[in-house]
């Protein structure tokens, strides 16, 4: 009580709580006012002000998803970049909209947009030289909060479909048949059937979704030569090299044991947000590489109708 007196020198009070995970959808009375306020801020190009100082917890502690869902989404992002099932990007200038990031749905045969604008837009670094385009994934995951708020506004789960598709690019999150197979404290595991199919469609058959971006990453062979993406062997080697190089980059550049000690951070600066996901990124590139190595290169890919059955 004395700390709250008018003459107190206390500048702030930290409050810690412990509670079981609960979906924000359980609080519809909060979601409609939230999305109304966000829409008003977006209409006024004032989204940065709306979101400033509103997230006090680290990224992995504030995402409305389990650890298994978060890792499946991270690995799905990697699969999407390899197979062309993710497209679009955001401008590096604040308050600027461009084509939203979209994920391709094999079931509905259309591109599904993620929220636009995102909660945390891409911005130029403090020195005016660095942009945080690497924050695309954490910005997408963080903005699932907007999709949840839209669900409360529309009383429909359709805004969450892009996030379901993102997870399914790698796997469906399922209950582990045995405790030893669990990947999080809730006893969940992965069914990688969809991830294997999507990788096989491009690597084995060379098939990408309609209007998908080409695989144009800067990866080359150890001799610095481009991979031959017209062949199965070339596509497989390029995908594995992409996973290897990025896995090593995240393991080397970020403190995956404690992202708060990351050398890229300045005091009180949470950018780049991707640093908080560095352990997940290292895991995801390893997991996707393992799926690629398990592919039978002579095996025909599953057709679209069979794939739709997998995703039901």
C-alpha atoms as a PDB file:
ATOM      1  CA  UNK A   1       0.000   0.000   0.000  1.00  0.00           C
ATOM      2  CA  UNK A   2       2.818   2.409   0.824  1.00  0.00           C
ATOM      3  CA  UNK A   3       4.306   1.818  -2.639  1.00  0.00           C
ATOM      4  CA  UNK A   4       1.177   3.272  -4.207  1.00  0.00           C
ATOM      5  CA  UNK A   5       1.184   6.503  -2.206  1.00  0.00           C
ATOM      6  CA  UNK A   6       1.496   9.876  -3.904  1.00  0.00           C
ATOM      7  CA  UNK A   7       4.900  10.493  -2.419  1.00  0.00           C
ATOM      8  CA  UNK A   8       6.294   7.168  -3.551  1.00  0.00           C
ATOM      9  CA  UNK A   9       9.353   7.036  -5.808  1.00  0.00           C
ATOM     10  CA  UNK A  10       8.250   3.710  -7.331  1.00  0.00           C
ATOM     11  CA  UNK A  11       8.233   4.090 -11.106  1.00  0.00           C
ATOM     12  CA  UNK A  12       6.531   0.816 -11.977  1.00  0.00           C
ATOM     13  CA  UNK A  13       5.197  -2.394 -10.483  1.00  0.00           C
ATOM     14  CA  UNK A  14       5.770  -5.829 -12.014  1.00  0.00           C
ATOM     15  CA  UNK A  15       2.899  -8.297 -11.722  1.00  0.00           C
ATOM     16  CA  UNK A  16       3.525 -11.968 -12.392  1.00  0.00           C
ATOM     17  CA  UNK A  17       0.779 -14.500 -12.992  1.00  0.00           C
ATOM     18  CA  UNK A  18       0.569 -18.201 -13.674  1.00  0.00           C
ATOM     19  CA  UNK A  19      -2.427 -19.665 -15.425  1.00  0.00           C
ATOM     20  CA  UNK A  20      -3.301 -22.430 -17.856  1.00  0.00           C
ATOM     21  CA  UNK A  21      -3.313 -21.558 -21.594  1.00  0.00           C
ATOM     22  CA  UNK A  22      -6.718 -20.297 -22.689  1.00  0.00           C
ATOM     23  CA  UNK A  23      -7.850 -19.212 -26.131  1.00  0.00           C
ATOM     24  CA  UNK A  24      -8.837 -15.538 -26.432  1.00  0.00           C
ATOM     25  CA  UNK A  25     -11.961 -16.843 -28.196  1.00  0.00           C
ATOM     26  CA  UNK A  26     -13.238 -17.598 -24.701  1.00  0.00           C
ATOM     27  CA  UNK A  27     -13.621 -13.848 -24.156  1.00  0.00           C
ATOM     28  CA  UNK A  28     -15.850 -12.564 -26.989  1.00  0.00           C
ATOM     29  CA  UNK A  29     -16.686  -9.396 -25.063  1.00  0.00           C
ATOM     30  CA  UNK A  30     -13.039  -8.348 -25.416  1.00  0.00           C
ATOM     31  CA  UNK A  31     -12.553  -9.242 -29.070  1.00  0.00           C
ATOM     32  CA  UNK A  32     -15.094  -6.971 -30.770  1.00  0.00           C
ATOM     33  CA  UNK A  33     -13.889  -3.749 -29.082  1.00  0.00           C
ATOM     34  CA  UNK A  34     -10.306  -4.773 -29.832  1.00  0.00           C
ATOM     35  CA  UNK A  35     -10.861  -5.331 -33.545  1.00  0.00           C
ATOM     36  CA  UNK A  36     -12.917  -2.127 -33.780  1.00  0.00           C
ATOM     37  CA  UNK A  37     -10.017  -0.174 -32.265  1.00  0.00           C
ATOM     38  CA  UNK A  38      -7.537  -1.881 -34.595  1.00  0.00           C
ATOM     39  CA  UNK A  39      -9.612  -1.155 -37.689  1.00  0.00           C
ATOM     40  CA  UNK A  40      -9.857   2.482 -36.701  1.00  0.00           C
ATOM     41  CA  UNK A  41      -6.087   2.668 -36.163  1.00  0.00           C
ATOM     42  CA  UNK A  42      -5.442   0.982 -39.532  1.00  0.00           C
ATOM     43  CA  UNK A  43      -7.813   3.379 -41.305  1.00  0.00           C
ATOM     44  CA  UNK A  44      -5.876   6.300 -39.813  1.00  0.00           C
ATOM     45  CA  UNK A  45      -2.453   4.740 -40.619  1.00  0.00           C
ATOM     46  CA  UNK A  46      -1.772   4.753 -36.901  1.00  0.00           C
ATOM     47  CA  UNK A  47      -1.160   1.077 -36.214  1.00  0.00           C
ATOM     48  CA  UNK A  48       2.302   1.652 -34.752  1.00  0.00           C
ATOM     49  CA  UNK A  49       0.868   3.855 -32.018  1.00  0.00           C
ATOM     50  CA  UNK A  50      -1.910   1.320 -31.359  1.00  0.00           C
ATOM     51  CA  UNK A  51       0.543  -1.525 -30.693  1.00  0.00           C
ATOM     52  CA  UNK A  52       3.319   0.417 -28.923  1.00  0.00           C
ATOM     53  CA  UNK A  53       4.037  -0.970 -25.438  1.00  0.00           C
ATOM     54  CA  UNK A  54       1.098  -3.387 -25.599  1.00  0.00           C
ATOM     55  CA  UNK A  55       3.116  -6.604 -25.537  1.00  0.00           C
ATOM     56  CA  UNK A  56       5.087  -6.981 -22.325  1.00  0.00           C
ATOM     57  CA  UNK A  57       5.887 -10.686 -22.609  1.00  0.00           C
ATOM     58  CA  UNK A  58       8.508 -12.282 -24.882  1.00  0.00           C
ATOM     59  CA  UNK A  59       7.187 -13.374 -28.255  1.00  0.00           C
ATOM     60  CA  UNK A  60       7.074 -17.101 -27.464  1.00  0.00           C
ATOM     61  CA  UNK A  61       5.137 -16.346 -24.282  1.00  0.00           C
ATOM     62  CA  UNK A  62       2.562 -14.123 -25.948  1.00  0.00           C
ATOM     63  CA  UNK A  63       1.632 -16.142 -29.051  1.00  0.00           C
ATOM     64  CA  UNK A  64      -1.843 -17.713 -28.756  1.00  0.00           C
ATOM     65  CA  UNK A  65      -0.631 -21.203 -29.628  1.00  0.00           C
ATOM     66  CA  UNK A  66       1.021 -24.175 -27.989  1.00  0.00           C
ATOM     67  CA  UNK A  67       4.721 -24.908 -28.386  1.00  0.00           C
ATOM     68  CA  UNK A  68       3.875 -27.696 -30.838  1.00  0.00           C
ATOM     69  CA  UNK A  69       1.688 -25.373 -32.928  1.00  0.00           C
ATOM     70  CA  UNK A  70       4.363 -22.679 -32.913  1.00  0.00           C
ATOM     71  CA  UNK A  71       7.060 -25.056 -34.114  1.00  0.00           C
ATOM     72  CA  UNK A  72       4.788 -26.601 -36.736  1.00  0.00           C
ATOM     73  CA  UNK A  73       4.025 -23.083 -38.007  1.00  0.00           C
ATOM     74  CA  UNK A  74       7.732 -22.257 -38.111  1.00  0.00           C
ATOM     75  CA  UNK A  75       8.550 -25.410 -40.065  1.00  0.00           C
ATOM     76  CA  UNK A  76       5.521 -24.765 -42.293  1.00  0.00           C
ATOM     77  CA  UNK A  77       6.987 -21.372 -43.116  1.00  0.00           C
ATOM     78  CA  UNK A  78      10.206 -23.089 -44.232  1.00  0.00           C
ATOM     79  CA  UNK A  79       8.269 -25.579 -46.380  1.00  0.00           C
ATOM     80  CA  UNK A  80       6.247 -22.717 -47.856  1.00  0.00           C
ATOM     81  CA  UNK A  81       9.377 -20.820 -48.869  1.00  0.00           C
ATOM     82  CA  UNK A  82      10.804 -23.921 -50.537  1.00  0.00           C
ATOM     83  CA  UNK A  83       7.643 -25.066 -52.345  1.00  0.00           C
ATOM     84  CA  UNK A  84       6.187 -21.679 -53.307  1.00  0.00           C
ATOM     85  CA  UNK A  85       3.140 -22.027 -51.074  1.00  0.00           C
ATOM     86  CA  UNK A  86       3.811 -18.642 -49.475  1.00  0.00           C
ATOM     87  CA  UNK A  87       3.844 -15.433 -51.464  1.00  0.00           C
ATOM     88  CA  UNK A  88       3.720 -11.678 -50.978  1.00  0.00           C
ATOM     89  CA  UNK A  89       5.568  -9.442 -48.581  1.00  0.00           C
ATOM     90  CA  UNK A  90       5.263  -6.122 -46.817  1.00  0.00           C
ATOM     91  CA  UNK A  91       7.019  -2.866 -47.532  1.00  0.00           C
ATOM     92  CA  UNK A  92       9.908  -1.867 -45.284  1.00  0.00           C
ATOM     93  CA  UNK A  93       8.385   1.590 -44.755  1.00  0.00           C
ATOM     94  CA  UNK A  94       6.077   2.037 -41.738  1.00  0.00           C
ATOM     95  CA  UNK A  95       2.351   2.537 -42.342  1.00  0.00           C
ATOM     96  CA  UNK A  96       2.653   1.174 -45.877  1.00  0.00           C
ATOM     97  CA  UNK A  97       0.518  -1.657 -47.208  1.00  0.00           C
ATOM     98  CA  UNK A  98       1.422  -3.842 -50.136  1.00  0.00           C
ATOM     99  CA  UNK A  99       0.266  -7.271 -51.165  1.00  0.00           C
ATOM    100  CA  UNK A 100      -0.368  -9.227 -47.946  1.00  0.00           C
ATOM    101  CA  UNK A 101       1.487 -12.439 -47.289  1.00  0.00           C
ATOM    102  CA  UNK A 102      -0.692 -15.319 -48.534  1.00  0.00           C
ATOM    103  CA  UNK A 103      -0.630 -19.081 -48.143  1.00  0.00           C
ATOM    104  CA  UNK A 104      -2.024 -21.473 -50.740  1.00  0.00           C
ATOM    105  CA  UNK A 105      -4.858 -23.782 -49.705  1.00  0.00           C
ATOM    106  CA  UNK A 106      -4.851 -27.032 -51.656  1.00  0.00           C
ATOM    107  CA  UNK A 107      -8.338 -27.859 -50.396  1.00  0.00           C
ATOM    108  CA  UNK A 108     -10.026 -24.646 -51.589  1.00  0.00           C
ATOM    109  CA  UNK A 109      -7.564 -24.056 -54.476  1.00  0.00           C
ATOM    110  CA  UNK A 110      -7.044 -20.398 -53.554  1.00  0.00           C
ATOM    111  CA  UNK A 111      -4.602 -18.090 -51.819  1.00  0.00           C
ATOM    112  CA  UNK A 112      -5.567 -17.136 -48.251  1.00  0.00           C
ATOM    113  CA  UNK A 113      -4.330 -13.757 -46.958  1.00  0.00           C
ATOM    114  CA  UNK A 114      -2.841 -13.186 -43.533  1.00  0.00           C
ATOM    115  CA  UNK A 115      -3.861 -10.013 -41.676  1.00  0.00           C
ATOM    116  CA  UNK A 116      -2.848  -6.803 -43.411  1.00  0.00           C
ATOM    117  CA  UNK A 117      -1.394  -4.670 -41.909  1.00  0.00           C
ATOM    118  CA  UNK A 118       0.428  -6.762 -39.337  1.00  0.00           C
ATOM    119  CA  UNK A 119       0.586  -5.836 -35.665  1.00  0.00           C
ATOM    120  CA  UNK A 120       4.294  -5.089 -35.978  1.00  0.00           C
ATOM    121  CA  UNK A 121       5.108  -3.587 -39.401  1.00  0.00           C
ATOM    122  CA  UNK A 122       8.493  -3.798 -41.018  1.00  0.00           C
ATOM    123  CA  UNK A 123      10.433  -0.669 -40.135  1.00  0.00           C
ATOM    124  CA  UNK A 124      13.836   0.783 -40.870  1.00  0.00           C
ATOM    125  CA  UNK A 125      16.470   0.347 -38.162  1.00  0.00           C
ATOM    126  CA  UNK A 126      17.469   3.188 -35.866  1.00  0.00           C
ATOM    127  CA  UNK A 127      20.571   3.923 -37.943  1.00  0.00           C
ATOM    128  CA  UNK A 128      18.484   4.240 -41.108  1.00  0.00           C
ATOM    129  CA  UNK A 129      20.442   1.445 -42.788  1.00  0.00           C
ATOM    130  CA  UNK A 130      18.958  -1.786 -41.537  1.00  0.00           C
ATOM    131  CA  UNK A 131      15.501  -3.160 -42.252  1.00  0.00           C
ATOM    132  CA  UNK A 132      13.943  -6.050 -40.432  1.00  0.00           C
ATOM    133  CA  UNK A 133      12.613  -8.082 -43.342  1.00  0.00           C
ATOM    134  CA  UNK A 134      13.740 -11.182 -41.437  1.00  0.00           C
ATOM    135  CA  UNK A 135      10.875 -10.474 -39.026  1.00  0.00           C
ATOM    136  CA  UNK A 136       8.250 -11.644 -41.518  1.00  0.00           C
ATOM    137  CA  UNK A 137       7.559 -14.919 -39.699  1.00  0.00           C
ATOM    138  CA  UNK A 138       7.335 -13.554 -36.134  1.00  0.00           C
ATOM    139  CA  UNK A 139       5.176 -10.675 -37.398  1.00  0.00           C
ATOM    140  CA  UNK A 140       2.841 -13.194 -39.047  1.00  0.00           C
ATOM    141  CA  UNK A 141       2.618 -15.366 -35.932  1.00  0.00           C
ATOM    142  CA  UNK A 142       2.125 -12.381 -33.650  1.00  0.00           C
ATOM    143  CA  UNK A 143      -0.752 -11.186 -35.847  1.00  0.00           C
ATOM    144  CA  UNK A 144      -2.733 -14.345 -35.180  1.00  0.00           C
ATOM    145  CA  UNK A 145      -4.124 -12.216 -32.363  1.00  0.00           C
ATOM    146  CA  UNK A 146      -5.803 -10.092 -35.054  1.00  0.00           C
ATOM    147  CA  UNK A 147      -7.261 -13.185 -36.695  1.00  0.00           C
ATOM    148  CA  UNK A 148      -8.666 -14.284 -33.336  1.00  0.00           C
ATOM    149  CA  UNK A 149     -10.178 -10.854 -32.797  1.00  0.00           C
ATOM    150  CA  UNK A 150     -11.748 -11.023 -36.272  1.00  0.00           C
ATOM    151  CA  UNK A 151     -13.281 -14.377 -35.311  1.00  0.00           C
ATOM    152  CA  UNK A 152     -14.948 -12.731 -32.352  1.00  0.00           C
ATOM    153  CA  UNK A 153     -16.228  -9.955 -34.598  1.00  0.00           C
ATOM    154  CA  UNK A 154     -17.496 -12.206 -37.390  1.00  0.00           C
ATOM    155  CA  UNK A 155     -18.477 -15.163 -35.163  1.00  0.00           C
ATOM    156  CA  UNK A 156     -16.660 -17.328 -37.737  1.00  0.00           C
ATOM    157  CA  UNK A 157     -13.334 -19.163 -37.610  1.00  0.00           C
ATOM    158  CA  UNK A 158     -12.518 -18.349 -41.239  1.00  0.00           C
ATOM    159  CA  UNK A 159      -9.877 -15.685 -40.348  1.00  0.00           C
ATOM    160  CA  UNK A 160      -7.817 -18.461 -38.731  1.00  0.00           C
ATOM    161  CA  UNK A 161      -7.663 -20.587 -41.899  1.00  0.00           C
ATOM    162  CA  UNK A 162      -4.326 -19.095 -43.111  1.00  0.00           C
ATOM    163  CA  UNK A 163      -2.745 -20.110 -39.808  1.00  0.00           C
ATOM    164  CA  UNK A 164      -4.148 -23.640 -40.065  1.00  0.00           C
ATOM    165  CA  UNK A 165      -2.749 -23.894 -43.592  1.00  0.00           C
ATOM    166  CA  UNK A 166       0.626 -22.583 -42.428  1.00  0.00           C
ATOM    167  CA  UNK A 167       0.879 -25.339 -39.812  1.00  0.00           C
ATOM    168  CA  UNK A 168      -0.276 -27.973 -42.288  1.00  0.00           C
ATOM    169  CA  UNK A 169       2.531 -27.060 -44.689  1.00  0.00           C
ATOM    170  CA  UNK A 170       4.685 -29.038 -42.265  1.00  0.00           C
ATOM    171  CA  UNK A 171       2.323 -31.206 -40.228  1.00  0.00           C
ATOM    172  CA  UNK A 172      -0.908 -31.531 -38.352  1.00  0.00           C
ATOM    173  CA  UNK A 173      -0.516 -31.249 -34.587  1.00  0.00           C
ATOM    174  CA  UNK A 174      -1.932 -34.421 -33.004  1.00  0.00           C
ATOM    175  CA  UNK A 175      -1.985 -36.101 -29.624  1.00  0.00           C
ATOM    176  CA  UNK A 176       1.117 -38.243 -29.210  1.00  0.00           C
ATOM    177  CA  UNK A 177       0.363 -41.998 -29.125  1.00  0.00           C
ATOM    178  CA  UNK A 178       3.064 -42.417 -26.458  1.00  0.00           C
ATOM    179  CA  UNK A 179       4.506 -40.006 -23.937  1.00  0.00           C
ATOM    180  CA  UNK A 180       7.947 -40.521 -25.451  1.00  0.00           C
ATOM    181  CA  UNK A 181       6.664 -39.105 -28.752  1.00  0.00           C
ATOM    182  CA  UNK A 182       5.377 -35.856 -27.242  1.00  0.00           C
ATOM    183  CA  UNK A 183       6.948 -32.593 -28.356  1.00  0.00           C
ATOM    184  CA  UNK A 184       5.407 -30.304 -25.740  1.00  0.00           C
ATOM    185  CA  UNK A 185       4.053 -30.429 -22.206  1.00  0.00           C
ATOM    186  CA  UNK A 186       0.512 -30.997 -23.478  1.00  0.00           C
ATOM    187  CA  UNK A 187       1.540 -34.350 -24.989  1.00  0.00           C
ATOM    188  CA  UNK A 188       1.259 -33.282 -28.625  1.00  0.00           C
ATOM    189  CA  UNK A 189       3.185 -34.588 -31.621  1.00  0.00           C
ATOM    190  CA  UNK A 190       3.186 -34.235 -35.429  1.00  0.00           C
ATOM    191  CA  UNK A 191       1.590 -36.051 -38.328  1.00  0.00           C
ATOM    192  CA  UNK A 192       3.925 -35.105 -41.195  1.00  0.00           C
ATOM    193  CA  UNK A 193       1.777 -36.511 -44.015  1.00  0.00           C
ATOM    194  CA  UNK A 194       0.904 -33.113 -45.495  1.00  0.00           C
ATOM    195  CA  UNK A 195       4.449 -31.756 -45.210  1.00  0.00           C
ATOM    196  CA  UNK A 196       5.874 -34.767 -47.023  1.00  0.00           C
ATOM    197  CA  UNK A 197       3.274 -34.383 -49.796  1.00  0.00           C
ATOM    198  CA  UNK A 198       3.967 -30.688 -50.388  1.00  0.00           C
ATOM    199  CA  UNK A 199       7.729 -31.232 -50.522  1.00  0.00           C
ATOM    200  CA  UNK A 200       7.310 -34.200 -52.858  1.00  0.00           C
ATOM    201  CA  UNK A 201       5.050 -32.231 -55.200  1.00  0.00           C
ATOM    202  CA  UNK A 202       7.806 -29.735 -55.930  1.00  0.00           C
ATOM    203  CA  UNK A 203      10.966 -31.789 -55.474  1.00  0.00           C
ATOM    204  CA  UNK A 204       9.797 -34.931 -57.286  1.00  0.00           C
ATOM    205  CA  UNK A 205       7.199 -33.542 -59.720  1.00  0.00           C
ATOM    206  CA  UNK A 206       8.384 -29.931 -60.036  1.00  0.00           C
ATOM    207  CA  UNK A 207       4.828 -28.698 -59.334  1.00  0.00           C
ATOM    208  CA  UNK A 208       4.146 -25.383 -57.628  1.00  0.00           C
ATOM    209  CA  UNK A 209       0.766 -23.721 -56.945  1.00  0.00           C
ATOM    210  CA  UNK A 210      -0.697 -21.373 -59.588  1.00  0.00           C
ATOM    211  CA  UNK A 211       0.930 -17.924 -59.537  1.00  0.00           C
ATOM    212  CA  UNK A 212       3.446 -19.127 -56.976  1.00  0.00           C
ATOM    213  CA  UNK A 213       6.852 -17.429 -56.716  1.00  0.00           C
ATOM    214  CA  UNK A 214       9.834 -19.258 -58.154  1.00  0.00           C
ATOM    215  CA  UNK A 215      12.480 -20.763 -55.914  1.00  0.00           C
ATOM    216  CA  UNK A 216      14.985 -17.921 -56.305  1.00  0.00           C
ATOM    217  CA  UNK A 217      16.990 -18.030 -53.087  1.00  0.00           C
ATOM    218  CA  UNK A 218      20.679 -17.245 -53.248  1.00  0.00           C
ATOM    219  CA  UNK A 219      21.763 -20.775 -52.360  1.00  0.00           C
ATOM    220  CA  UNK A 220      24.403 -22.309 -54.578  1.00  0.00           C
ATOM    221  CA  UNK A 221      26.532 -25.417 -54.534  1.00  0.00           C
ATOM    222  CA  UNK A 222      29.694 -25.491 -52.447  1.00  0.00           C
ATOM    223  CA  UNK A 223      31.515 -24.536 -55.653  1.00  0.00           C
ATOM    224  CA  UNK A 224      29.332 -21.444 -56.044  1.00  0.00           C
ATOM    225  CA  UNK A 225      27.375 -22.855 -58.998  1.00  0.00           C
ATOM    226  CA  UNK A 226      23.570 -22.619 -59.336  1.00  0.00           C
ATOM    227  CA  UNK A 227      21.497 -25.734 -58.809  1.00  0.00           C
ATOM    228  CA  UNK A 228      19.718 -27.246 -61.799  1.00  0.00           C
ATOM    229  CA  UNK A 229      16.086 -26.848 -60.734  1.00  0.00           C
ATOM    230  CA  UNK A 230      14.853 -28.653 -63.854  1.00  0.00           C
ATOM    231  CA  UNK A 231      15.860 -31.997 -62.325  1.00  0.00           C
ATOM    232  CA  UNK A 232      14.679 -33.898 -59.280  1.00  0.00           C
ATOM    233  CA  UNK A 233      18.217 -34.204 -57.982  1.00  0.00           C
ATOM    234  CA  UNK A 234      18.845 -30.484 -58.432  1.00  0.00           C
ATOM    235  CA  UNK A 235      15.671 -29.474 -56.612  1.00  0.00           C
ATOM    236  CA  UNK A 236      16.383 -31.860 -53.763  1.00  0.00           C
ATOM    237  CA  UNK A 237      19.974 -30.644 -53.415  1.00  0.00           C
ATOM    238  CA  UNK A 238      18.870 -26.990 -53.518  1.00  0.00           C
ATOM    239  CA  UNK A 239      16.229 -27.536 -50.817  1.00  0.00           C
ATOM    240  CA  UNK A 240      18.691 -29.340 -48.562  1.00  0.00           C
ATOM    241  CA  UNK A 241      21.311 -26.641 -49.090  1.00  0.00           C
ATOM    242  CA  UNK A 242      18.731 -23.960 -48.264  1.00  0.00           C
ATOM    243  CA  UNK A 243      17.952 -25.716 -44.969  1.00  0.00           C
ATOM    244  CA  UNK A 244      21.614 -26.283 -44.137  1.00  0.00           C
ATOM    245  CA  UNK A 245      22.725 -22.702 -44.738  1.00  0.00           C
ATOM    246  CA  UNK A 246      19.835 -21.115 -42.863  1.00  0.00           C
ATOM    247  CA  UNK A 247      20.066 -23.556 -39.987  1.00  0.00           C
ATOM    248  CA  UNK A 248      23.728 -22.699 -39.517  1.00  0.00           C
ATOM    249  CA  UNK A 249      23.019 -18.972 -39.852  1.00  0.00           C
ATOM    250  CA  UNK A 250      20.476 -18.974 -37.043  1.00  0.00           C
ATOM    251  CA  UNK A 251      22.605 -21.200 -34.824  1.00  0.00           C
ATOM    252  CA  UNK A 252      25.642 -18.977 -35.352  1.00  0.00           C
ATOM    253  CA  UNK A 253      24.130 -15.483 -35.408  1.00  0.00           C
ATOM    254  CA  UNK A 254      21.687 -15.704 -32.509  1.00  0.00           C
ATOM    255  CA  UNK A 255      21.909 -16.788 -28.900  1.00  0.00           C
ATOM    256  CA  UNK A 256      19.564 -19.748 -29.110  1.00  0.00           C
ATOM    257  CA  UNK A 257      20.112 -20.531 -25.409  1.00  0.00           C
ATOM    258  CA  UNK A 258      18.857 -17.118 -24.272  1.00  0.00           C
ATOM    259  CA  UNK A 259      17.683 -14.687 -26.954  1.00  0.00           C
ATOM    260  CA  UNK A 260      17.664 -11.821 -24.412  1.00  0.00           C
ATOM    261  CA  UNK A 261      21.465 -11.946 -24.490  1.00  0.00           C
ATOM    262  CA  UNK A 262      21.463 -11.636 -28.247  1.00  0.00           C
ATOM    263  CA  UNK A 263      24.311  -9.440 -29.499  1.00  0.00           C
ATOM    264  CA  UNK A 264      22.004  -7.876 -32.106  1.00  0.00           C
ATOM    265  CA  UNK A 265      19.830  -6.273 -29.432  1.00  0.00           C
ATOM    266  CA  UNK A 266      20.322  -2.763 -28.130  1.00  0.00           C
ATOM    267  CA  UNK A 267      18.981  -2.017 -24.616  1.00  0.00           C
ATOM    268  CA  UNK A 268      15.169  -2.261 -24.441  1.00  0.00           C
ATOM    269  CA  UNK A 269      14.969  -3.056 -28.158  1.00  0.00           C
ATOM    270  CA  UNK A 270      13.037  -6.208 -29.088  1.00  0.00           C
ATOM    271  CA  UNK A 271      14.159  -6.120 -32.713  1.00  0.00           C
ATOM    272  CA  UNK A 272      14.852  -8.247 -34.592  1.00  0.00           C
ATOM    273  CA  UNK A 273      11.904 -10.284 -33.323  1.00  0.00           C
ATOM    274  CA  UNK A 274      13.207 -13.348 -35.169  1.00  0.00           C
ATOM    275  CA  UNK A 275      15.875 -13.704 -32.458  1.00  0.00           C
ATOM    276  CA  UNK A 276      13.199 -14.955 -30.063  1.00  0.00           C
ATOM    277  CA  UNK A 277      12.333 -17.706 -32.559  1.00  0.00           C
ATOM    278  CA  UNK A 278      15.941 -18.696 -33.294  1.00  0.00           C
ATOM    279  CA  UNK A 279      15.694 -22.040 -31.411  1.00  0.00           C
ATOM    280  CA  UNK A 280      12.503 -22.841 -33.331  1.00  0.00           C
ATOM    281  CA  UNK A 281      14.145 -21.874 -36.617  1.00  0.00           C
ATOM    282  CA  UNK A 282      17.123 -24.161 -35.990  1.00  0.00           C
ATOM    283  CA  UNK A 283      14.733 -26.995 -35.110  1.00  0.00           C
ATOM    284  CA  UNK A 284      12.511 -26.275 -38.137  1.00  0.00           C
ATOM    285  CA  UNK A 285      15.307 -26.354 -40.706  1.00  0.00           C
ATOM    286  CA  UNK A 286      16.525 -29.669 -39.245  1.00  0.00           C
ATOM    287  CA  UNK A 287      12.986 -31.108 -39.258  1.00  0.00           C
ATOM    288  CA  UNK A 288      12.272 -30.046 -42.851  1.00  0.00           C
ATOM    289  CA  UNK A 289      15.658 -31.333 -44.032  1.00  0.00           C
ATOM    290  CA  UNK A 290      14.825 -34.693 -42.447  1.00  0.00           C
ATOM    291  CA  UNK A 291      11.535 -34.819 -44.394  1.00  0.00           C
ATOM    292  CA  UNK A 292      13.378 -34.028 -47.628  1.00  0.00           C
ATOM    293  CA  UNK A 293      15.948 -36.757 -47.022  1.00  0.00           C
ATOM    294  CA  UNK A 294      13.164 -39.288 -46.438  1.00  0.00           C
ATOM    295  CA  UNK A 295      11.566 -38.627 -49.835  1.00  0.00           C
ATOM    296  CA  UNK A 296      11.532 -41.463 -52.319  1.00  0.00           C
ATOM    297  CA  UNK A 297      12.658 -39.635 -55.452  1.00  0.00           C
ATOM    298  CA  UNK A 298      11.049 -42.120 -57.796  1.00  0.00           C
ATOM    299  CA  UNK A 299       7.696 -41.991 -56.035  1.00  0.00           C
ATOM    300  CA  UNK A 300       4.803 -40.149 -57.692  1.00  0.00           C
ATOM    301  CA  UNK A 301       3.316 -37.275 -55.759  1.00  0.00           C
ATOM    302  CA  UNK A 302      -0.138 -37.518 -54.222  1.00  0.00           C
ATOM    303  CA  UNK A 303      -2.766 -35.845 -56.385  1.00  0.00           C
ATOM    304  CA  UNK A 304      -4.932 -32.961 -55.197  1.00  0.00           C
ATOM    305  CA  UNK A 305      -7.968 -35.084 -54.332  1.00  0.00           C
ATOM    306  CA  UNK A 306      -5.923 -37.423 -52.142  1.00  0.00           C
ATOM    307  CA  UNK A 307      -4.287 -34.427 -50.487  1.00  0.00           C
ATOM    308  CA  UNK A 308      -7.674 -32.874 -49.694  1.00  0.00           C
ATOM    309  CA  UNK A 309      -8.574 -36.098 -47.896  1.00  0.00           C
ATOM    310  CA  UNK A 310      -5.412 -35.812 -45.821  1.00  0.00           C
ATOM    311  CA  UNK A 311      -6.343 -32.358 -44.611  1.00  0.00           C
ATOM    312  CA  UNK A 312      -9.897 -33.068 -43.476  1.00  0.00           C
END
